[in-house]
Amino acid sequence: MKMRRRLIFALMSSLTLLGTSVALSAAGEAETEYDRRAATIRKLELDELIELVGWCQKKELERQARTVLAHIKELDPNNLEVATLEKDPYSTSTRPYLVDTDLHLIDGGRLRGKVRLRHVRLKTPYGTLIFPPRSVNVIIFNMNGGEDVVVTNKFTMGGNVDLGSFVASTKLGSVKVDTNKLSRLRVMRQCPQCKGKNRITCRRCRGRGQVTRKFVCPVCRGENVRKRCPNCVGTGRIVCRRCGGRGTWWSNLGTFLVQERCTYCYGRGWLRCRPCKGRGLTFCPRCNGTGKATELLECPECKKAKTVPCIACNSTGYMPVPKVVWPIRPRPANAESAADTTETP
């Protein structure tokens, strides 16, 4: 038993050493390949350098990846790929968000395009707050000549927003934007009601395009008159026409006559009256005894379109921006405190 344990321990130790040696050899090969590529790093193009950073991160060569990133920053400090490949300790994701934005410039111009942002960092006297770009409604820069204001769904906070410069992808191409020249940055968030389609299902007709109108039956005038069925004379039953009400009938079996059960009425000799459904009474053919008739009309809200404009987003497909009042001054708790806060001439 002891001998078996020693053999198992020796085998596990040899496998561990073999795996370690293989990993070290793979790491050595990766470093050798990096040294070969880095020998001509000054001659590489920007795309080749970005590809080299991705290769280093894949091979878990963090120190070498940081070195190449520093070289890329020297060549192009405002490159978006650097923000994608560089690991930020303040971010939970290494990939930036692609958000649709509406940019208002200081000179009165406007720019609509998509921007890659990893996070929105707001520096306040209480600390640094970090928001995902998709949770921000609007950012107002230098509001009333003071601090920046970030507006979200839950709260409004003032401070210093650090975005730097970024590139906006528009229909005319890529445009480099400097935050010092911006007065407002609005994140075009999709409306949760219409899902960006500008229209919602009509609630009046529930998407059918028609509504049901009820009115007094013009035939019976709403009296719900019941009459005796003329077909069955109020019995709800009629005589079976095949067996004549006997329940049996004769059939030929060669030279013999055999009496069999009627397969039409199942031997009962009668059938249920179809006009009155076996009740013996007939109702109004228009309202079926309810006294009210119905008809389908065109929906007055959607005009058979089945959808109506979304009121939540005013048919824009994007969430509206709430009204921003800044700075927010707290109201006094009572009249005495209000009197204390007023200045005497």
Protein backbone atom coordinates (compact mmCIF):
# COMPACT_ATOMS: atom_id res chain seq x y z
CA MET A 1 0.00 0.00 0.00
CA LYS A 2 2.82 2.39 0.89
CA MET A 3 4.61 1.48 -2.29
CA ARG A 4 1.54 2.37 -4.35
CA ARG A 5 1.22 5.75 -2.63
CA ARG A 6 4.87 6.53 -3.34
CA LEU A 7 4.44 5.66 -7.00
CA ILE A 8 1.33 7.87 -7.30
CA PHE A 9 3.10 10.77 -5.59
CA ALA A 10 6.14 10.41 -7.85
CA LEU A 11 3.91 10.28 -10.95
CA MET A 12 2.00 13.44 -9.91
CA SER A 13 5.24 15.27 -9.17
CA SER A 14 6.66 14.36 -12.59
CA LEU A 15 3.46 15.55 -14.32
CA THR A 16 3.56 18.85 -12.41
CA LEU A 17 7.19 19.43 -13.37
CA LEU A 18 6.40 18.55 -16.99
CA GLY A 19 3.52 21.06 -17.10
CA THR A 20 5.69 23.76 -15.53
CA SER A 21 8.48 23.15 -18.02
CA VAL A 22 6.02 23.29 -20.93
CA ALA A 23 4.55 26.58 -19.64
CA LEU A 24 8.02 28.07 -19.17
CA SER A 25 9.06 26.98 -22.63
CA ALA A 26 5.87 28.54 -24.13
CA ALA A 27 6.50 31.79 -22.23
CA GLY A 28 10.10 31.79 -23.41
CA GLU A 29 9.01 31.31 -27.00
CA ALA A 30 6.50 34.19 -26.67
CA GLU A 31 9.18 36.51 -25.27
CA THR A 32 11.55 35.51 -28.05
CA GLU A 33 8.90 36.27 -30.65
CA TYR A 34 8.23 39.66 -29.01
CA ASP A 35 11.93 40.54 -29.02
CA ARG A 36 12.03 39.70 -32.72
CA ARG A 37 9.02 41.95 -33.46
CA ALA A 38 10.13 44.75 -31.12
CA ALA A 39 13.48 45.02 -32.91
CA THR A 40 11.71 46.91 -35.70
CA ILE A 41 9.11 48.71 -33.52
CA ARG A 42 10.19 52.13 -34.79
CA LYS A 43 9.46 51.08 -38.37
CA LEU A 44 6.02 49.58 -37.71
CA GLU A 45 2.84 51.34 -38.72
CA LEU A 46 0.09 52.28 -36.26
CA ASP A 47 -2.14 49.35 -37.23
CA GLU A 48 0.73 46.92 -36.82
CA LEU A 49 1.49 48.32 -33.36
CA ILE A 50 -2.15 47.89 -32.28
CA GLU A 51 -2.05 44.32 -33.55
CA LEU A 52 1.14 43.74 -31.55
CA VAL A 53 -0.57 44.98 -28.36
CA GLY A 54 -3.42 42.53 -28.88
CA TRP A 55 -0.93 39.72 -29.43
CA CYS A 56 0.93 40.60 -26.23
CA GLN A 57 -2.25 40.61 -24.19
CA LYS A 58 -3.23 37.25 -25.67
CA LYS A 59 0.15 35.79 -24.68
CA GLU A 60 -0.17 37.42 -21.19
CA LEU A 61 2.83 39.70 -21.74
CA GLU A 62 1.51 42.67 -19.77
CA ARG A 63 4.80 44.52 -19.41
CA GLN A 64 5.52 44.33 -23.13
CA ALA A 65 1.92 45.41 -23.94
CA ARG A 66 2.28 48.54 -21.77
CA THR A 67 5.53 49.38 -23.52
CA VAL A 68 3.92 49.23 -26.97
CA LEU A 69 0.91 51.25 -25.73
CA ALA A 70 3.21 53.97 -24.47
CA HIS A 71 4.84 54.10 -27.92
CA ILE A 72 1.39 54.36 -29.57
CA LYS A 73 0.47 57.27 -27.26
CA GLU A 74 3.59 59.11 -28.38
CA LEU A 75 2.57 58.71 -32.03
CA ASP A 76 -1.18 59.39 -31.63
CA PRO A 77 -2.34 60.51 -28.15
CA ASN A 78 -6.04 60.65 -29.18
CA ASN A 79 -6.32 57.17 -30.65
CA LEU A 80 -9.53 55.35 -29.65
CA GLU A 81 -7.93 51.93 -29.94
CA VAL A 82 -5.61 52.78 -27.04
CA ALA A 83 -8.63 53.24 -24.75
CA THR A 84 -9.97 49.90 -25.94
CA LEU A 85 -6.77 47.95 -25.34
CA GLU A 86 -5.60 49.73 -22.20
CA LYS A 87 -6.91 48.34 -18.92
CA ASP A 88 -8.44 51.04 -16.71
CA PRO A 89 -8.55 50.33 -12.94
CA TYR A 90 -11.69 52.46 -12.62
CA SER A 91 -13.66 50.52 -15.24
CA THR A 92 -15.36 47.14 -14.85
CA SER A 93 -15.18 46.50 -18.61
CA THR A 94 -12.20 46.71 -20.96
CA ARG A 95 -14.43 47.50 -23.96
CA PRO A 96 -15.98 50.96 -24.38
CA TYR A 97 -19.66 51.56 -25.08
CA LEU A 98 -20.80 52.81 -28.46
CA VAL A 99 -23.44 55.46 -27.68
CA ASP A 100 -25.44 57.73 -29.95
CA THR A 101 -24.89 61.35 -28.92
CA ASP A 102 -26.09 64.85 -29.81
CA LEU A 103 -23.27 67.36 -29.33
CA HIS A 104 -23.93 71.10 -28.86
CA LEU A 105 -20.91 73.31 -29.55
CA ILE A 106 -20.14 76.64 -27.90
CA ASP A 107 -20.39 78.50 -31.21
CA GLY A 108 -23.99 77.27 -31.67
CA GLY A 109 -23.28 74.33 -33.97
CA ARG A 110 -24.65 70.83 -33.45
CA LEU A 111 -23.18 67.44 -34.29
CA ARG A 112 -24.93 64.08 -34.26
CA GLY A 113 -22.84 60.93 -34.19
CA LYS A 114 -21.73 57.82 -32.35
CA VAL A 115 -19.01 58.02 -29.72
CA ARG A 116 -17.06 55.29 -27.96
CA LEU A 117 -16.96 55.97 -24.22
CA ARG A 118 -15.88 53.61 -21.50
CA HIS A 119 -17.25 55.63 -18.58
CA VAL A 120 -18.08 59.16 -17.46
CA ARG A 121 -15.90 60.30 -14.58
CA LEU A 122 -17.21 63.14 -12.40
CA LYS A 123 -14.89 64.72 -9.86
CA THR A 124 -16.74 66.25 -6.90
CA PRO A 125 -15.60 67.62 -3.51
CA TYR A 126 -16.84 64.36 -1.99
CA GLY A 127 -14.92 62.06 -4.32
CA THR A 128 -14.93 60.71 -7.85
CA LEU A 129 -18.11 59.23 -9.30
CA ILE A 130 -18.06 56.91 -12.32
CA PHE A 131 -21.16 56.37 -14.48
CA PRO A 132 -21.74 54.03 -17.41
CA PRO A 133 -22.35 56.13 -20.54
CA ARG A 134 -25.76 54.50 -21.11
CA SER A 135 -27.06 55.67 -17.72
CA VAL A 136 -26.38 59.37 -18.43
CA ASN A 137 -29.02 61.57 -20.03
CA VAL A 138 -27.14 64.80 -20.60
CA ILE A 139 -23.87 66.48 -19.58
CA ILE A 140 -23.85 70.28 -19.42
CA PHE A 141 -20.37 71.83 -19.47
CA ASN A 142 -19.67 75.06 -17.53
CA MET A 143 -23.31 75.66 -16.66
CA ASN A 144 -23.83 79.34 -15.77
CA GLY A 145 -20.07 79.82 -15.93
CA GLY A 146 -19.54 77.32 -13.12
CA GLU A 147 -19.17 73.58 -12.78
CA ASP A 148 -20.25 70.76 -15.06
CA VAL A 149 -23.59 69.05 -14.45
CA VAL A 150 -24.38 65.37 -15.10
CA VAL A 151 -28.07 64.44 -15.32
CA THR A 152 -29.18 60.82 -14.93
CA ASN A 153 -32.55 59.19 -14.34
CA LYS A 154 -32.14 59.14 -10.58
CA PHE A 155 -30.24 62.29 -9.67
CA THR A 156 -28.40 65.39 -10.86
CA MET A 157 -24.82 65.98 -9.75
CA GLY A 158 -22.35 68.81 -10.33
CA GLY A 159 -18.58 68.68 -10.52
CA ASN A 160 -15.79 68.43 -13.04
CA VAL A 161 -16.33 66.01 -15.95
CA ASP A 162 -13.17 64.49 -17.40
CA LEU A 163 -13.73 63.15 -20.93
CA GLY A 164 -10.72 64.54 -22.76
CA SER A 165 -10.95 64.55 -26.55
CA PHE A 166 -12.69 61.83 -28.53
CA VAL A 167 -13.74 61.00 -32.07
CA ALA A 168 -17.39 61.07 -33.17
CA SER A 169 -18.47 58.91 -36.11
CA THR A 170 -20.95 60.84 -38.24
CA LYS A 171 -22.51 60.30 -41.66
CA LEU A 172 -19.87 62.57 -43.17
CA GLY A 173 -16.99 60.75 -41.50
CA SER A 174 -15.01 60.82 -38.25
CA VAL A 175 -14.73 64.16 -36.44
CA LYS A 176 -12.37 64.88 -33.57
CA VAL A 177 -14.20 66.64 -30.72
CA ASP A 178 -12.65 68.58 -27.86
CA THR A 179 -14.75 68.82 -24.68
CA ASN A 180 -13.51 72.36 -24.09
CA LYS A 181 -15.54 73.43 -27.13
CA LEU A 182 -18.74 71.66 -26.03
CA SER A 183 -21.64 73.23 -24.19
CA ARG A 184 -23.80 70.11 -23.92
CA LEU A 185 -23.50 66.38 -24.62
CA ARG A 186 -26.76 64.48 -24.79
CA VAL A 187 -26.82 60.68 -24.85
CA MET A 188 -29.64 59.62 -27.18
CA ARG A 189 -31.19 56.87 -25.09
CA GLN A 190 -33.86 54.69 -26.64
CA CYS A 191 -37.41 55.25 -25.43
CA PRO A 192 -38.50 52.25 -23.30
CA GLN A 193 -42.14 52.61 -24.37
CA CYS A 194 -41.83 52.48 -28.16
CA LYS A 195 -38.35 50.84 -28.32
CA GLY A 196 -37.17 53.58 -30.68
CA LYS A 197 -39.98 52.99 -33.22
CA ASN A 198 -41.72 56.37 -32.56
CA ARG A 199 -45.12 54.62 -32.35
CA ILE A 200 -46.87 52.28 -29.92
CA THR A 201 -49.84 49.91 -30.15
CA CYS A 202 -53.19 51.67 -29.98
CA ARG A 203 -54.77 51.04 -26.58
CA ARG A 204 -58.27 51.86 -27.78
CA CYS A 205 -58.50 48.99 -30.27
CA ARG A 206 -55.55 46.94 -28.90
CA GLY A 207 -53.85 46.92 -32.27
CA ARG A 208 -56.83 45.61 -34.26
CA GLY A 209 -57.72 48.84 -36.05
CA GLN A 210 -61.44 48.38 -35.28
CA VAL A 211 -63.65 48.89 -32.25
CA THR A 212 -66.93 47.18 -31.34
CA ARG A 213 -70.03 49.36 -30.91
CA LYS A 214 -73.02 48.02 -28.99
CA PHE A 215 -76.58 49.30 -29.53
CA VAL A 216 -80.17 48.19 -29.02
CA CYS A 217 -81.19 45.39 -31.36
CA PRO A 218 -83.37 46.88 -34.14
CA VAL A 219 -85.19 43.58 -34.70
CA CYS A 220 -86.46 42.80 -31.19
CA ARG A 221 -85.88 46.37 -29.89
CA GLY A 222 -84.07 44.99 -26.88
CA GLU A 223 -87.10 43.13 -25.51
CA ASN A 224 -85.38 39.74 -25.75
CA VAL A 225 -88.62 38.04 -26.92
CA ARG A 226 -88.68 34.24 -26.77
CA LYS A 227 -90.94 32.33 -29.11
CA ARG A 228 -91.87 28.70 -29.41
CA CYS A 229 -89.79 26.91 -32.01
CA PRO A 230 -91.99 26.16 -35.05
CA ASN A 231 -89.77 23.25 -36.10
CA CYS A 232 -90.16 21.13 -32.96
CA VAL A 233 -93.31 22.83 -31.55
CA GLY A 234 -91.51 23.66 -28.33
CA THR A 235 -90.37 20.11 -27.52
CA GLY A 236 -86.75 20.50 -28.57
CA ARG A 237 -86.94 17.16 -30.38
CA ILE A 238 -87.83 16.04 -33.88
CA VAL A 239 -88.69 12.56 -35.16
CA CYS A 240 -85.85 10.66 -36.79
CA ARG A 241 -86.51 10.63 -40.50
CA ARG A 242 -84.54 7.47 -41.13
CA CYS A 243 -86.29 5.09 -38.73
CA GLY A 244 -89.55 7.05 -38.38
CA GLY A 245 -89.19 7.30 -34.61
CA ARG A 246 -88.97 3.53 -34.02
CA GLY A 247 -85.27 3.45 -33.24
CA THR A 248 -84.75 0.36 -35.41
CA TRP A 249 -84.90 -0.44 -39.07
CA TRP A 250 -84.81 -3.60 -41.25
CA SER A 251 -81.87 -4.53 -43.45
CA ASN A 252 -81.35 -7.36 -45.92
CA LEU A 253 -78.83 -10.02 -44.99
CA GLY A 254 -78.89 -12.33 -47.98
CA THR A 255 -82.36 -13.94 -48.02
CA PHE A 256 -83.09 -12.85 -44.43
CA LEU A 257 -84.41 -9.60 -42.93
CA VAL A 258 -82.51 -8.44 -39.86
CA GLN A 259 -83.70 -5.74 -37.47
CA GLU A 260 -80.89 -3.38 -36.51
CA ARG A 261 -80.55 -0.29 -34.37
CA CYS A 262 -80.79 3.00 -36.23
CA THR A 263 -77.33 4.44 -36.66
CA TYR A 264 -78.71 7.92 -37.26
CA CYS A 265 -80.47 8.45 -33.93
CA TYR A 266 -78.64 5.67 -32.03
CA GLY A 267 -81.95 3.85 -31.24
CA ARG A 268 -83.63 6.80 -29.54
CA GLY A 269 -86.08 7.55 -32.33
CA TRP A 270 -85.60 11.31 -32.07
CA LEU A 271 -82.99 13.96 -32.78
CA ARG A 272 -82.24 17.30 -31.20
CA CYS A 273 -83.83 20.24 -32.97
CA ARG A 274 -81.12 22.23 -34.68
CA PRO A 275 -82.84 25.66 -35.00
CA CYS A 276 -83.47 25.94 -31.26
CA LYS A 277 -80.57 23.67 -30.20
CA GLY A 278 -82.93 21.47 -28.19
CA ARG A 279 -84.29 24.30 -26.01
CA GLY A 280 -87.75 24.49 -27.64
CA LEU A 281 -87.53 28.29 -27.84
CA THR A 282 -86.10 30.55 -30.50
CA PHE A 283 -84.37 33.86 -29.93
CA CYS A 284 -83.83 36.95 -32.03
CA PRO A 285 -81.56 36.06 -34.97
CA ARG A 286 -79.77 39.43 -34.76
CA CYS A 287 -78.84 39.61 -31.08
CA ASN A 288 -79.32 35.90 -30.16
CA GLY A 289 -81.48 36.83 -27.18
CA THR A 290 -79.15 39.39 -25.59
CA GLY A 291 -81.18 42.42 -26.67
CA LYS A 292 -78.04 44.21 -27.90
CA ALA A 293 -76.48 44.11 -31.34
CA THR A 294 -72.84 44.81 -32.21
CA GLU A 295 -70.97 46.11 -35.21
CA LEU A 296 -67.33 46.84 -36.05
CA LEU A 297 -66.32 50.45 -36.68
CA GLU A 298 -63.07 52.19 -37.57
CA CYS A 299 -60.97 53.04 -34.53
CA PRO A 300 -61.22 56.81 -33.92
CA GLU A 301 -57.74 56.95 -32.37
CA CYS A 302 -55.50 55.18 -34.91
CA LYS A 303 -57.78 55.30 -38.03
CA LYS A 304 -57.11 51.59 -38.78
CA ALA A 305 -53.34 52.19 -38.51
CA LYS A 306 -53.22 49.96 -35.35
CA THR A 307 -50.49 52.22 -33.88
CA VAL A 308 -50.42 55.76 -32.49
CA PRO A 309 -47.54 58.23 -31.93
CA CYS A 310 -45.59 57.64 -28.71
CA ILE A 311 -46.38 60.32 -26.13
CA ALA A 312 -43.51 59.42 -23.80
CA CYS A 313 -40.83 60.50 -26.30
CA ASN A 314 -42.98 62.87 -28.40
CA SER A 315 -42.52 60.56 -31.42
CA THR A 316 -38.75 60.99 -31.46
CA GLY A 317 -37.78 57.47 -30.38
CA TYR A 318 -35.46 58.83 -27.67
CA MET A 319 -36.01 59.61 -24.02
CA PRO A 320 -36.66 63.31 -23.36
CA VAL A 321 -34.14 65.32 -21.37
CA PRO A 322 -35.45 66.45 -17.97
CA LYS A 323 -35.41 70.13 -17.10
CA VAL A 324 -32.18 71.01 -15.33
CA VAL A 325 -32.16 73.64 -12.57
CA TRP A 326 -28.70 74.27 -11.13
CA PRO A 327 -27.54 75.07 -8.53
CA ILE A 328 -30.26 73.52 -6.35
CA ARG A 329 -30.92 75.59 -3.22
CA PRO A 330 -32.67 73.73 -0.37
CA ARG A 331 -35.85 75.28 0.96
CA PRO A 332 -35.91 76.42 4.64
CA ALA A 333 -37.51 74.02 7.11
CA ASN A 334 -39.89 76.58 8.66
CA ALA A 335 -40.75 80.24 8.63
CA GLU A 336 -38.25 81.11 11.38
CA SER A 337 -35.37 79.67 9.43
CA ALA A 338 -36.63 81.49 6.35
CA ALA A 339 -36.64 84.74 8.31
CA ASP A 340 -33.14 84.07 9.53
CA THR A 341 -31.83 83.52 6.03
CA THR A 342 -33.19 86.85 4.74
CA GLU A 343 -30.78 89.74 4.83
CA THR A 344 -31.73 92.90 6.64
CA PRO A 345 -31.12 96.20 4.83
